Amino acid sequence: MALQLNDVAPDFTQDSTEGPIHFYDWAGDSWVVLFSHPKDFTPVCTTELGVVAKLKPEFEKRNAKVIGLSVDAAASHAGWSKDIEETQGAKLNFPLIADHDRKVADLYGMIHPNASDTMTVRSVFIIDPAHKVRLTLTYPASTGRNFDELLRVIDSLQLTDKHKVATPANWRQGEDVIIVTSVTDDQAKDLFPGGWTEHKPYLRTVKQPAG
Protein backbone atom coordinates (compact mmCIF):
# COMPACT_ATOMS: atom_id res chain seq x y z
CA MET A 1 0.00 0.00 0.00
CA ALA A 2 1.28 3.46 -0.86
CA LEU A 3 2.48 5.63 1.99
CA GLN A 4 0.09 8.34 3.14
CA LEU A 5 0.90 11.71 4.65
CA ASN A 6 2.01 11.44 8.31
CA ASP A 7 2.77 7.72 7.95
CA VAL A 8 6.12 6.67 9.36
CA ALA A 9 8.64 6.29 6.54
CA PRO A 10 10.00 2.72 6.60
CA ASP A 11 13.57 2.14 7.70
CA PHE A 12 15.87 0.11 5.46
CA THR A 13 19.46 -0.86 4.78
CA GLN A 14 20.52 -0.81 1.14
CA ASP A 15 23.65 -0.37 -0.95
CA SER A 16 24.39 3.04 -2.49
CA THR A 17 27.05 5.06 -4.26
CA GLU A 18 28.37 5.91 -0.77
CA GLY A 19 28.29 2.35 0.55
CA PRO A 20 25.56 0.67 2.62
CA ILE A 21 22.91 3.11 3.86
CA HIS A 22 21.00 2.41 7.07
CA PHE A 23 18.29 4.98 6.42
CA TYR A 24 17.37 6.14 9.93
CA ASP A 25 21.03 6.34 10.98
CA TRP A 26 21.92 8.24 7.81
CA ALA A 27 19.00 10.65 8.19
CA GLY A 28 19.77 11.45 11.82
CA ASP A 29 17.77 14.47 12.96
CA SER A 30 17.53 15.96 9.46
CA TRP A 31 14.69 16.38 7.04
CA VAL A 32 15.06 14.08 4.02
CA VAL A 33 14.11 14.35 0.36
CA LEU A 34 13.99 10.86 -1.15
CA PHE A 35 13.40 10.77 -4.90
CA SER A 36 13.33 7.79 -7.22
CA HIS A 37 14.28 7.07 -10.81
CA PRO A 38 13.11 4.23 -13.08
CA LYS A 39 16.63 3.25 -14.14
CA ASP A 40 20.10 4.61 -14.81
CA PHE A 41 21.13 6.50 -17.95
CA THR A 42 17.72 8.12 -18.48
CA PRO A 43 17.79 11.66 -19.91
CA VAL A 44 15.31 13.52 -17.70
CA CYS A 45 16.69 11.98 -14.52
CA THR A 46 20.24 12.87 -15.57
CA THR A 47 19.26 16.55 -15.56
CA GLU A 48 17.48 16.17 -12.21
CA LEU A 49 20.46 14.67 -10.44
CA GLY A 50 22.63 17.49 -11.74
CA VAL A 51 20.20 20.12 -10.45
CA VAL A 52 19.99 18.50 -7.02
CA ALA A 53 23.78 18.36 -6.77
CA LYS A 54 23.90 22.11 -7.43
CA LEU A 55 21.09 22.79 -4.93
CA LYS A 56 22.58 20.67 -2.14
CA PRO A 57 23.76 23.76 -0.17
CA GLU A 58 20.17 25.09 -0.22
CA PHE A 59 18.86 21.84 1.23
CA GLU A 60 21.61 21.88 3.86
CA LYS A 61 20.57 25.41 4.95
CA ARG A 62 17.20 23.86 5.79
CA ASN A 63 18.69 20.91 7.70
CA ALA A 64 17.61 18.66 4.84
CA LYS A 65 19.47 15.77 3.22
CA VAL A 66 18.82 14.49 -0.29
CA ILE A 67 19.02 10.89 -1.42
CA GLY A 68 18.19 9.40 -4.81
CA LEU A 69 17.17 5.88 -5.77
CA SER A 70 17.41 3.84 -8.96
CA VAL A 71 16.87 0.13 -9.49
CA ASP A 72 20.27 -0.52 -11.04
CA ALA A 73 23.36 -1.70 -9.15
CA ALA A 74 25.97 0.57 -7.58
CA ALA A 75 28.48 -0.18 -10.37
CA SER A 76 25.98 1.15 -12.91
CA HIS A 77 25.37 4.21 -10.73
CA ALA A 78 29.11 4.92 -10.80
CA GLY A 79 29.08 5.04 -14.60
CA TRP A 80 25.97 7.21 -14.64
CA SER A 81 27.50 9.65 -12.18
CA LYS A 82 30.32 10.30 -14.66
CA ASP A 83 27.77 11.17 -17.34
CA ILE A 84 25.97 13.47 -14.91
CA GLU A 85 29.16 15.36 -14.13
CA GLU A 86 30.10 15.59 -17.81
CA THR A 87 26.72 16.77 -19.10
CA GLN A 88 25.36 18.76 -16.15
CA GLY A 89 28.55 20.33 -14.80
CA ALA A 90 27.91 19.00 -11.30
CA LYS A 91 29.38 16.03 -9.49
CA LEU A 92 27.04 13.68 -7.64
CA ASN A 93 27.47 14.79 -4.02
CA PHE A 94 24.75 12.78 -2.28
CA PRO A 95 23.98 9.05 -2.13
CA LEU A 96 22.13 7.24 -4.89
CA ILE A 97 20.53 4.05 -3.57
CA ALA A 98 21.15 0.88 -5.60
CA ASP A 99 17.73 -0.69 -5.27
CA HIS A 100 18.54 -3.69 -7.48
CA ASP A 101 16.12 -5.98 -5.60
CA ARG A 102 13.37 -3.30 -5.42
CA LYS A 103 13.32 -3.62 -1.62
CA VAL A 104 13.01 0.12 -1.01
CA ALA A 105 10.68 0.61 -3.98
CA ASP A 106 8.32 -1.98 -2.52
CA LEU A 107 8.52 -0.53 1.00
CA TYR A 108 7.59 2.93 -0.28
CA GLY A 109 5.04 1.84 -2.87
CA MET A 110 7.08 3.23 -5.76
CA ILE A 111 6.09 0.54 -8.26
CA HIS A 112 2.72 1.28 -9.86
CA PRO A 113 1.49 -1.61 -12.02
CA ASN A 114 -0.51 0.73 -14.26
CA ALA A 115 2.72 2.52 -15.19
CA SER A 116 5.09 -0.46 -15.11
CA ASP A 117 5.16 -3.71 -13.19
CA THR A 118 8.94 -3.60 -12.77
CA MET A 119 10.33 -0.07 -12.82
CA THR A 120 9.99 2.49 -10.04
CA VAL A 121 7.93 5.53 -10.93
CA ARG A 122 9.42 8.97 -10.35
CA SER A 123 8.27 9.59 -6.80
CA VAL A 124 9.31 12.18 -4.22
CA PHE A 125 8.99 11.91 -0.45
CA ILE A 126 9.72 14.70 2.01
CA ILE A 127 10.32 13.12 5.43
CA ASP A 128 10.68 15.06 8.68
CA PRO A 129 13.15 14.39 11.54
CA ALA A 130 10.53 12.21 13.27
CA HIS A 131 10.52 9.99 10.13
CA LYS A 132 6.99 11.11 9.21
CA VAL A 133 6.10 11.46 5.51
CA ARG A 134 5.11 15.09 4.99
CA LEU A 135 4.81 15.25 1.18
CA THR A 136 4.46 12.76 -1.65
CA LEU A 137 4.57 13.54 -5.36
CA THR A 138 4.66 11.31 -8.43
CA TYR A 139 5.74 12.74 -11.77
CA PRO A 140 5.30 11.41 -15.30
CA ALA A 141 8.46 10.16 -16.98
CA SER A 142 8.49 13.04 -19.46
CA THR A 143 8.37 15.91 -16.94
CA GLY A 144 11.44 16.95 -14.99
CA ARG A 145 10.80 17.63 -11.33
CA ASN A 146 10.82 21.17 -9.89
CA PHE A 147 13.27 21.07 -6.99
CA ASP A 148 12.79 24.76 -6.21
CA GLU A 149 9.21 23.76 -5.34
CA LEU A 150 10.51 21.12 -2.94
CA LEU A 151 12.63 23.75 -1.20
CA ARG A 152 9.53 25.95 -0.97
CA VAL A 153 7.54 23.11 0.61
CA ILE A 154 10.27 22.46 3.18
CA ASP A 155 10.26 26.18 4.05
CA SER A 156 6.49 26.06 4.48
CA LEU A 157 6.50 22.87 6.57
CA GLN A 158 9.22 24.13 8.87
CA LEU A 159 7.46 27.46 9.35
CA THR A 160 4.05 25.92 10.01
CA ASP A 161 5.52 23.35 12.42
CA LYS A 162 6.86 26.22 14.55
CA HIS A 163 3.99 28.72 14.32
CA LYS A 164 0.20 28.42 14.14
CA VAL A 165 0.08 29.46 10.50
CA ALA A 166 -0.47 28.01 7.04
CA THR A 167 0.96 29.26 3.76
CA PRO A 168 -1.23 30.47 0.86
CA ALA A 169 -1.01 29.54 -2.80
CA ASN A 170 2.34 30.34 -4.41
CA TRP A 171 3.77 31.49 -1.07
CA ARG A 172 7.46 32.36 -0.89
CA GLN A 173 9.76 33.09 2.04
CA GLY A 174 9.01 36.51 3.54
CA GLU A 175 5.44 36.79 2.24
CA ASP A 176 2.31 36.98 4.38
CA VAL A 177 0.92 33.77 5.86
CA ILE A 178 -2.50 32.62 7.09
CA ILE A 179 -3.51 32.26 10.74
CA VAL A 180 -4.93 28.75 11.13
CA THR A 181 -8.66 28.57 11.85
CA SER A 182 -8.15 26.74 15.17
CA VAL A 183 -6.66 29.96 16.61
CA THR A 184 -9.32 32.31 17.97
CA ASP A 185 -9.05 36.08 17.64
CA ASP A 186 -8.24 36.35 21.35
CA GLN A 187 -5.44 33.80 21.00
CA ALA A 188 -4.20 35.54 17.86
CA LYS A 189 -3.74 38.80 19.81
CA ASP A 190 -1.15 37.05 21.96
CA LEU A 191 0.48 35.16 19.10
CA PHE A 192 0.51 38.05 16.61
CA PRO A 193 0.62 41.29 18.63
CA GLY A 194 1.39 43.31 15.50
CA GLY A 195 -2.10 42.57 14.23
CA TRP A 196 -3.44 40.92 11.11
CA THR A 197 -5.74 41.49 8.17
CA GLU A 198 -9.15 39.81 8.27
CA HIS A 199 -10.44 39.13 4.77
CA LYS A 200 -13.09 36.76 6.10
CA PRO A 201 -13.49 35.32 9.61
CA TYR A 202 -11.80 32.15 8.33
CA LEU A 203 -9.15 33.97 6.26
CA ARG A 204 -6.77 36.10 8.32
CA THR A 205 -3.36 37.00 6.95
CA VAL A 206 -0.37 38.17 8.93
CA LYS A 207 3.28 38.96 8.30
CA GLN A 208 5.48 35.88 8.32
CA PRO A 209 6.63 35.22 11.90
CA ALA A 210 10.35 35.55 12.50
CA GLY A 211 12.47 32.62 13.53
C-alpha atoms as a PDB file:
ATOM      1  CA  MET A   1       0.000   0.000   0.000  1.00  0.00           C
ATOM      2  CA  ALA A   2       1.277   3.456  -0.863  1.00  0.00           C
ATOM      3  CA  LEU A   3       2.477   5.628   1.994  1.00  0.00           C
ATOM      4  CA  GLN A   4       0.094   8.336   3.143  1.00  0.00           C
ATOM      5  CA  LEU A   5       0.900  11.714   4.654  1.00  0.00           C
ATOM      6  CA  ASN A   6       2.010  11.436   8.306  1.00  0.00           C
ATOM      7  CA  ASP A   7       2.769   7.721   7.947  1.00  0.00           C
ATOM      8  CA  VAL A   8       6.123   6.674   9.358  1.00  0.00           C
ATOM      9  CA  ALA A   9       8.639   6.289   6.536  1.00  0.00           C
ATOM     10  CA  PRO A  10      10.003   2.716   6.596  1.00  0.00           C
ATOM     11  CA  ASP A  11      13.573   2.141   7.695  1.00  0.00           C
ATOM     12  CA  PHE A  12      15.866   0.110   5.459  1.00  0.00           C
ATOM     13  CA  THR A  13      19.456  -0.856   4.783  1.00  0.00           C
ATOM     14  CA  GLN A  14      20.519  -0.807   1.137  1.00  0.00           C
ATOM     15  CA  ASP A  15      23.653  -0.366  -0.954  1.00  0.00           C
ATOM     16  CA  SER A  16      24.387   3.039  -2.494  1.00  0.00           C
ATOM     17  CA  THR A  17      27.046   5.062  -4.256  1.00  0.00           C
ATOM     18  CA  GLU A  18      28.368   5.912  -0.774  1.00  0.00           C
ATOM     19  CA  GLY A  19      28.287   2.351   0.550  1.00  0.00           C
ATOM     20  CA  PRO A  20      25.559   0.665   2.620  1.00  0.00           C
ATOM     21  CA  ILE A  21      22.910   3.115   3.857  1.00  0.00           C
ATOM     22  CA  HIS A  22      20.997   2.407   7.068  1.00  0.00           C
ATOM     23  CA  PHE A  23      18.292   4.976   6.419  1.00  0.00           C
ATOM     24  CA  TYR A  24      17.371   6.137   9.929  1.00  0.00           C
ATOM     25  CA  ASP A  25      21.033   6.341  10.981  1.00  0.00           C
ATOM     26  CA  TRP A  26      21.923   8.238   7.806  1.00  0.00           C
ATOM     27  CA  ALA A  27      18.995  10.647   8.187  1.00  0.00           C
ATOM     28  CA  GLY A  28      19.772  11.451  11.817  1.00  0.00           C
ATOM     29  CA  ASP A  29      17.771  14.473  12.958  1.00  0.00           C
ATOM     30  CA  SER A  30      17.527  15.957   9.464  1.00  0.00           C
ATOM     31  CA  TRP A  31      14.689  16.385   7.037  1.00  0.00           C
ATOM     32  CA  VAL A  32      15.061  14.084   4.017  1.00  0.00           C
ATOM     33  CA  VAL A  33      14.109  14.354   0.359  1.00  0.00           C
ATOM     34  CA  LEU A  34      13.993  10.855  -1.153  1.00  0.00           C
ATOM     35  CA  PHE A  35      13.400  10.771  -4.900  1.00  0.00           C
ATOM     36  CA  SER A  36      13.329   7.787  -7.218  1.00  0.00           C
ATOM     37  CA  HIS A  37      14.278   7.073 -10.813  1.00  0.00           C
ATOM     38  CA  PRO A  38      13.113   4.231 -13.078  1.00  0.00           C
ATOM     39  CA  LYS A  39      16.630   3.248 -14.136  1.00  0.00           C
ATOM     40  CA  ASP A  40      20.103   4.606 -14.807  1.00  0.00           C
ATOM     41  CA  PHE A  41      21.127   6.500 -17.951  1.00  0.00           C
ATOM     42  CA  THR A  42      17.722   8.116 -18.485  1.00  0.00           C
ATOM     43  CA  PRO A  43      17.788  11.664 -19.907  1.00  0.00           C
ATOM     44  CA  VAL A  44      15.311  13.525 -17.696  1.00  0.00           C
ATOM     45  CA  CYS A  45      16.694  11.976 -14.519  1.00  0.00           C
ATOM     46  CA  THR A  46      20.243  12.870 -15.572  1.00  0.00           C
ATOM     47  CA  THR A  47      19.257  16.553 -15.563  1.00  0.00           C
ATOM     48  CA  GLU A  48      17.477  16.168 -12.212  1.00  0.00           C
ATOM     49  CA  LEU A  49      20.458  14.670 -10.444  1.00  0.00           C
ATOM     50  CA  GLY A  50      22.634  17.491 -11.738  1.00  0.00           C
ATOM     51  CA  VAL A  51      20.205  20.122 -10.452  1.00  0.00           C
ATOM     52  CA  VAL A  52      19.986  18.499  -7.016  1.00  0.00           C
ATOM     53  CA  ALA A  53      23.782  18.365  -6.767  1.00  0.00           C
ATOM     54  CA  LYS A  54      23.900  22.115  -7.431  1.00  0.00           C
ATOM     55  CA  LEU A  55      21.095  22.787  -4.927  1.00  0.00           C
ATOM     56  CA  LYS A  56      22.584  20.671  -2.141  1.00  0.00           C
ATOM     57  CA  PRO A  57      23.756  23.762  -0.175  1.00  0.00           C
ATOM     58  CA  GLU A  58      20.166  25.091  -0.225  1.00  0.00           C
ATOM     59  CA  PHE A  59      18.859  21.844   1.227  1.00  0.00           C
ATOM     60  CA  GLU A  60      21.611  21.878   3.862  1.00  0.00           C
ATOM     61  CA  LYS A  61      20.567  25.406   4.946  1.00  0.00           C
ATOM     62  CA  ARG A  62      17.204  23.860   5.792  1.00  0.00           C
ATOM     63  CA  ASN A  63      18.694  20.908   7.704  1.00  0.00           C
ATOM     64  CA  ALA A  64      17.607  18.657   4.838  1.00  0.00           C
ATOM     65  CA  LYS A  65      19.469  15.767   3.224  1.00  0.00           C
ATOM     66  CA  VAL A  66      18.816  14.487  -0.288  1.00  0.00           C
ATOM     67  CA  ILE A  67      19.023  10.886  -1.420  1.00  0.00           C
ATOM     68  CA  GLY A  68      18.193   9.396  -4.810  1.00  0.00           C
ATOM     69  CA  LEU A  69      17.173   5.879  -5.768  1.00  0.00           C
ATOM     70  CA  SER A  70      17.414   3.838  -8.956  1.00  0.00           C
ATOM     71  CA  VAL A  71      16.873   0.129  -9.485  1.00  0.00           C
ATOM     72  CA  ASP A  72      20.273  -0.523 -11.039  1.00  0.00           C
ATOM     73  CA  ALA A  73      23.358  -1.696  -9.153  1.00  0.00           C
ATOM     74  CA  ALA A  74      25.973   0.572  -7.575  1.00  0.00           C
ATOM     75  CA  ALA A  75      28.482  -0.175 -10.374  1.00  0.00           C
ATOM     76  CA  SER A  76      25.976   1.148 -12.913  1.00  0.00           C
ATOM     77  CA  HIS A  77      25.375   4.214 -10.733  1.00  0.00           C
ATOM     78  CA  ALA A  78      29.108   4.922 -10.801  1.00  0.00           C
ATOM     79  CA  GLY A  79      29.078   5.037 -14.603  1.00  0.00           C
ATOM     80  CA  TRP A  80      25.966   7.207 -14.642  1.00  0.00           C
ATOM     81  CA  SER A  81      27.497   9.651 -12.176  1.00  0.00           C
ATOM     82  CA  LYS A  82      30.320  10.301 -14.659  1.00  0.00           C
ATOM     83  CA  ASP A  83      27.765  11.168 -17.340  1.00  0.00           C
ATOM     84  CA  ILE A  84      25.967  13.469 -14.908  1.00  0.00           C
ATOM     85  CA  GLU A  85      29.161  15.360 -14.129  1.00  0.00           C
ATOM     86  CA  GLU A  86      30.098  15.595 -17.811  1.00  0.00           C
ATOM     87  CA  THR A  87      26.721  16.770 -19.104  1.00  0.00           C
ATOM     88  CA  GLN A  88      25.360  18.760 -16.145  1.00  0.00           C
ATOM     89  CA  GLY A  89      28.546  20.329 -14.802  1.00  0.00           C
ATOM     90  CA  ALA A  90      27.905  18.999 -11.302  1.00  0.00           C
ATOM     91  CA  LYS A  91      29.384  16.027  -9.489  1.00  0.00           C
ATOM     92  CA  LEU A  92      27.035  13.676  -7.639  1.00  0.00           C
ATOM     93  CA  ASN A  93      27.469  14.793  -4.015  1.00  0.00           C
ATOM     94  CA  PHE A  94      24.748  12.785  -2.280  1.00  0.00           C
ATOM     95  CA  PRO A  95      23.984   9.054  -2.131  1.00  0.00           C
ATOM     96  CA  LEU A  96      22.125   7.245  -4.886  1.00  0.00           C
ATOM     97  CA  ILE A  97      20.535   4.051  -3.570  1.00  0.00           C
ATOM     98  CA  ALA A  98      21.153   0.883  -5.596  1.00  0.00           C
ATOM     99  CA  ASP A  99      17.726  -0.694  -5.272  1.00  0.00           C
ATOM    100  CA  HIS A 100      18.536  -3.692  -7.475  1.00  0.00           C
ATOM    101  CA  ASP A 101      16.121  -5.985  -5.596  1.00  0.00           C
ATOM    102  CA  ARG A 102      13.373  -3.305  -5.421  1.00  0.00           C
ATOM    103  CA  LYS A 103      13.319  -3.620  -1.622  1.00  0.00           C
ATOM    104  CA  VAL A 104      13.007   0.121  -1.007  1.00  0.00           C
ATOM    105  CA  ALA A 105      10.685   0.612  -3.977  1.00  0.00           C
ATOM    106  CA  ASP A 106       8.315  -1.978  -2.522  1.00  0.00           C
ATOM    107  CA  LEU A 107       8.522  -0.531   0.997  1.00  0.00           C
ATOM    108  CA  TYR A 108       7.586   2.927  -0.282  1.00  0.00           C
ATOM    109  CA  GLY A 109       5.036   1.840  -2.870  1.00  0.00           C
ATOM    110  CA  MET A 110       7.080   3.229  -5.761  1.00  0.00           C
ATOM    111  CA  ILE A 111       6.089   0.539  -8.261  1.00  0.00           C
ATOM    112  CA  HIS A 112       2.720   1.281  -9.859  1.00  0.00           C
ATOM    113  CA  PRO A 113       1.492  -1.605 -12.022  1.00  0.00           C
ATOM    114  CA  ASN A 114      -0.511   0.726 -14.262  1.00  0.00           C
ATOM    115  CA  ALA A 115       2.719   2.524 -15.190  1.00  0.00           C
ATOM    116  CA  SER A 116       5.088  -0.455 -15.111  1.00  0.00           C
ATOM    117  CA  ASP A 117       5.160  -3.711 -13.189  1.00  0.00           C
ATOM    118  CA  THR A 118       8.935  -3.596 -12.772  1.00  0.00           C
ATOM    119  CA  MET A 119      10.329  -0.069 -12.820  1.00  0.00           C
ATOM    120  CA  THR A 120       9.986   2.486 -10.041  1.00  0.00           C
ATOM    121  CA  VAL A 121       7.932   5.533 -10.932  1.00  0.00           C
ATOM    122  CA  ARG A 122       9.420   8.973 -10.346  1.00  0.00           C
ATOM    123  CA  SER A 123       8.267   9.594  -6.804  1.00  0.00           C
ATOM    124  CA  VAL A 124       9.315  12.176  -4.222  1.00  0.00           C
ATOM    125  CA  PHE A 125       8.990  11.911  -0.448  1.00  0.00           C
ATOM    126  CA  ILE A 126       9.718  14.696   2.014  1.00  0.00           C
ATOM    127  CA  ILE A 127      10.316  13.123   5.430  1.00  0.00           C
ATOM    128  CA  ASP A 128      10.678  15.060   8.681  1.00  0.00           C
ATOM    129  CA  PRO A 129      13.150  14.394  11.543  1.00  0.00           C
ATOM    130  CA  ALA A 130      10.530  12.208  13.270  1.00  0.00           C
ATOM    131  CA  HIS A 131      10.521   9.990  10.127  1.00  0.00           C
ATOM    132  CA  LYS A 132       6.991  11.107   9.211  1.00  0.00           C
ATOM    133  CA  VAL A 133       6.103  11.462   5.511  1.00  0.00           C
ATOM    134  CA  ARG A 134       5.108  15.090   4.991  1.00  0.00           C
ATOM    135  CA  LEU A 135       4.806  15.247   1.178  1.00  0.00           C
ATOM    136  CA  THR A 136       4.462  12.756  -1.652  1.00  0.00           C
ATOM    137  CA  LEU A 137       4.568  13.537  -5.363  1.00  0.00           C
ATOM    138  CA  THR A 138       4.662  11.310  -8.431  1.00  0.00           C
ATOM    139  CA  TYR A 139       5.743  12.744 -11.769  1.00  0.00           C
ATOM    140  CA  PRO A 140       5.296  11.409 -15.300  1.00  0.00           C
ATOM    141  CA  ALA A 141       8.462  10.165 -16.982  1.00  0.00           C
ATOM    142  CA  SER A 142       8.488  13.036 -19.463  1.00  0.00           C
ATOM    143  CA  THR A 143       8.372  15.907 -16.940  1.00  0.00           C
ATOM    144  CA  GLY A 144      11.442  16.954 -14.995  1.00  0.00           C
ATOM    145  CA  ARG A 145      10.804  17.627 -11.326  1.00  0.00           C
ATOM    146  CA  ASN A 146      10.822  21.165  -9.888  1.00  0.00           C
ATOM    147  CA  PHE A 147      13.271  21.069  -6.993  1.00  0.00           C
ATOM    148  CA  ASP A 148      12.786  24.763  -6.212  1.00  0.00           C
ATOM    149  CA  GLU A 149       9.213  23.763  -5.337  1.00  0.00           C
ATOM    150  CA  LEU A 150      10.512  21.119  -2.938  1.00  0.00           C
ATOM    151  CA  LEU A 151      12.631  23.752  -1.200  1.00  0.00           C
ATOM    152  CA  ARG A 152       9.527  25.951  -0.969  1.00  0.00           C
ATOM    153  CA  VAL A 153       7.545  23.106   0.605  1.00  0.00           C
ATOM    154  CA  ILE A 154      10.267  22.458   3.183  1.00  0.00           C
ATOM    155  CA  ASP A 155      10.260  26.183   4.054  1.00  0.00           C
ATOM    156  CA  SER A 156       6.487  26.059   4.482  1.00  0.00           C
ATOM    157  CA  LEU A 157       6.495  22.873   6.569  1.00  0.00           C
ATOM    158  CA  GLN A 158       9.225  24.132   8.873  1.00  0.00           C
ATOM    159  CA  LEU A 159       7.455  27.460   9.346  1.00  0.00           C
ATOM    160  CA  THR A 160       4.050  25.922  10.013  1.00  0.00           C
ATOM    161  CA  ASP A 161       5.515  23.352  12.415  1.00  0.00           C
ATOM    162  CA  LYS A 162       6.859  26.216  14.553  1.00  0.00           C
ATOM    163  CA  HIS A 163       3.990  28.723  14.319  1.00  0.00           C
ATOM    164  CA  LYS A 164       0.196  28.418  14.139  1.00  0.00           C
ATOM    165  CA  VAL A 165       0.077  29.456  10.496  1.00  0.00           C
ATOM    166  CA  ALA A 166      -0.471  28.009   7.040  1.00  0.00           C
ATOM    167  CA  THR A 167       0.960  29.256   3.759  1.00  0.00           C
ATOM    168  CA  PRO A 168      -1.229  30.469   0.863  1.00  0.00           C
ATOM    169  CA  ALA A 169      -1.007  29.542  -2.801  1.00  0.00           C
ATOM    170  CA  ASN A 170       2.342  30.338  -4.415  1.00  0.00           C
ATOM    171  CA  TRP A 171       3.766  31.495  -1.068  1.00  0.00           C
ATOM    172  CA  ARG A 172       7.462  32.356  -0.892  1.00  0.00           C
ATOM    173  CA  GLN A 173       9.764  33.091   2.039  1.00  0.00           C
ATOM    174  CA  GLY A 174       9.008  36.511   3.544  1.00  0.00           C
ATOM    175  CA  GLU A 175       5.444  36.785   2.244  1.00  0.00           C
ATOM    176  CA  ASP A 176       2.314  36.979   4.385  1.00  0.00           C
ATOM    177  CA  VAL A 177       0.917  33.774   5.857  1.00  0.00           C
ATOM    178  CA  ILE A 178      -2.497  32.624   7.089  1.00  0.00           C
ATOM    179  CA  ILE A 179      -3.505  32.257  10.738  1.00  0.00           C
ATOM    180  CA  VAL A 180      -4.935  28.749  11.128  1.00  0.00           C
ATOM    181  CA  THR A 181      -8.655  28.568  11.853  1.00  0.00           C
ATOM    182  CA  SER A 182      -8.147  26.742  15.166  1.00  0.00           C
ATOM    183  CA  VAL A 183      -6.661  29.964  16.612  1.00  0.00           C
ATOM    184  CA  THR A 184      -9.319  32.305  17.972  1.00  0.00           C
ATOM    185  CA  ASP A 185      -9.049  36.080  17.637  1.00  0.00           C
ATOM    186  CA  ASP A 186      -8.236  36.347  21.348  1.00  0.00           C
ATOM    187  CA  GLN A 187      -5.439  33.802  20.998  1.00  0.00           C
ATOM    188  CA  ALA A 188      -4.203  35.542  17.856  1.00  0.00           C
ATOM    189  CA  LYS A 189      -3.742  38.795  19.811  1.00  0.00           C
ATOM    190  CA  ASP A 190      -1.148  37.050  21.958  1.00  0.00           C
ATOM    191  CA  LEU A 191       0.479  35.159  19.099  1.00  0.00           C
ATOM    192  CA  PHE A 192       0.511  38.048  16.614  1.00  0.00           C
ATOM    193  CA  PRO A 193       0.619  41.289  18.634  1.00  0.00           C
ATOM    194  CA  GLY A 194       1.388  43.313  15.502  1.00  0.00           C
ATOM    195  CA  GLY A 195      -2.098  42.570  14.234  1.00  0.00           C
ATOM    196  CA  TRP A 196      -3.438  40.920  11.110  1.00  0.00           C
ATOM    197  CA  THR A 197      -5.739  41.489   8.167  1.00  0.00           C
ATOM    198  CA  GLU A 198      -9.148  39.815   8.269  1.00  0.00           C
ATOM    199  CA  HIS A 199     -10.436  39.130   4.769  1.00  0.00           C
ATOM    200  CA  LYS A 200     -13.087  36.760   6.100  1.00  0.00           C
ATOM    201  CA  PRO A 201     -13.491  35.320   9.613  1.00  0.00           C
ATOM    202  CA  TYR A 202     -11.801  32.147   8.330  1.00  0.00           C
ATOM    203  CA  LEU A 203      -9.155  33.967   6.263  1.00  0.00           C
ATOM    204  CA  ARG A 204      -6.770  36.097   8.325  1.00  0.00           C
ATOM    205  CA  THR A 205      -3.359  36.998   6.946  1.00  0.00           C
ATOM    206  CA  VAL A 206      -0.366  38.169   8.931  1.00  0.00           C
ATOM    207  CA  LYS A 207       3.284  38.956   8.301  1.00  0.00           C
ATOM    208  CA  GLN A 208       5.477  35.883   8.321  1.00  0.00           C
ATOM    209  CA  PRO A 209       6.632  35.220  11.904  1.00  0.00           C
ATOM    210  CA  ALA A 210      10.355  35.551  12.504  1.00  0.00           C
ATOM    211  CA  GLY A 211      12.475  32.622  13.532  1.00  0.00           C
END
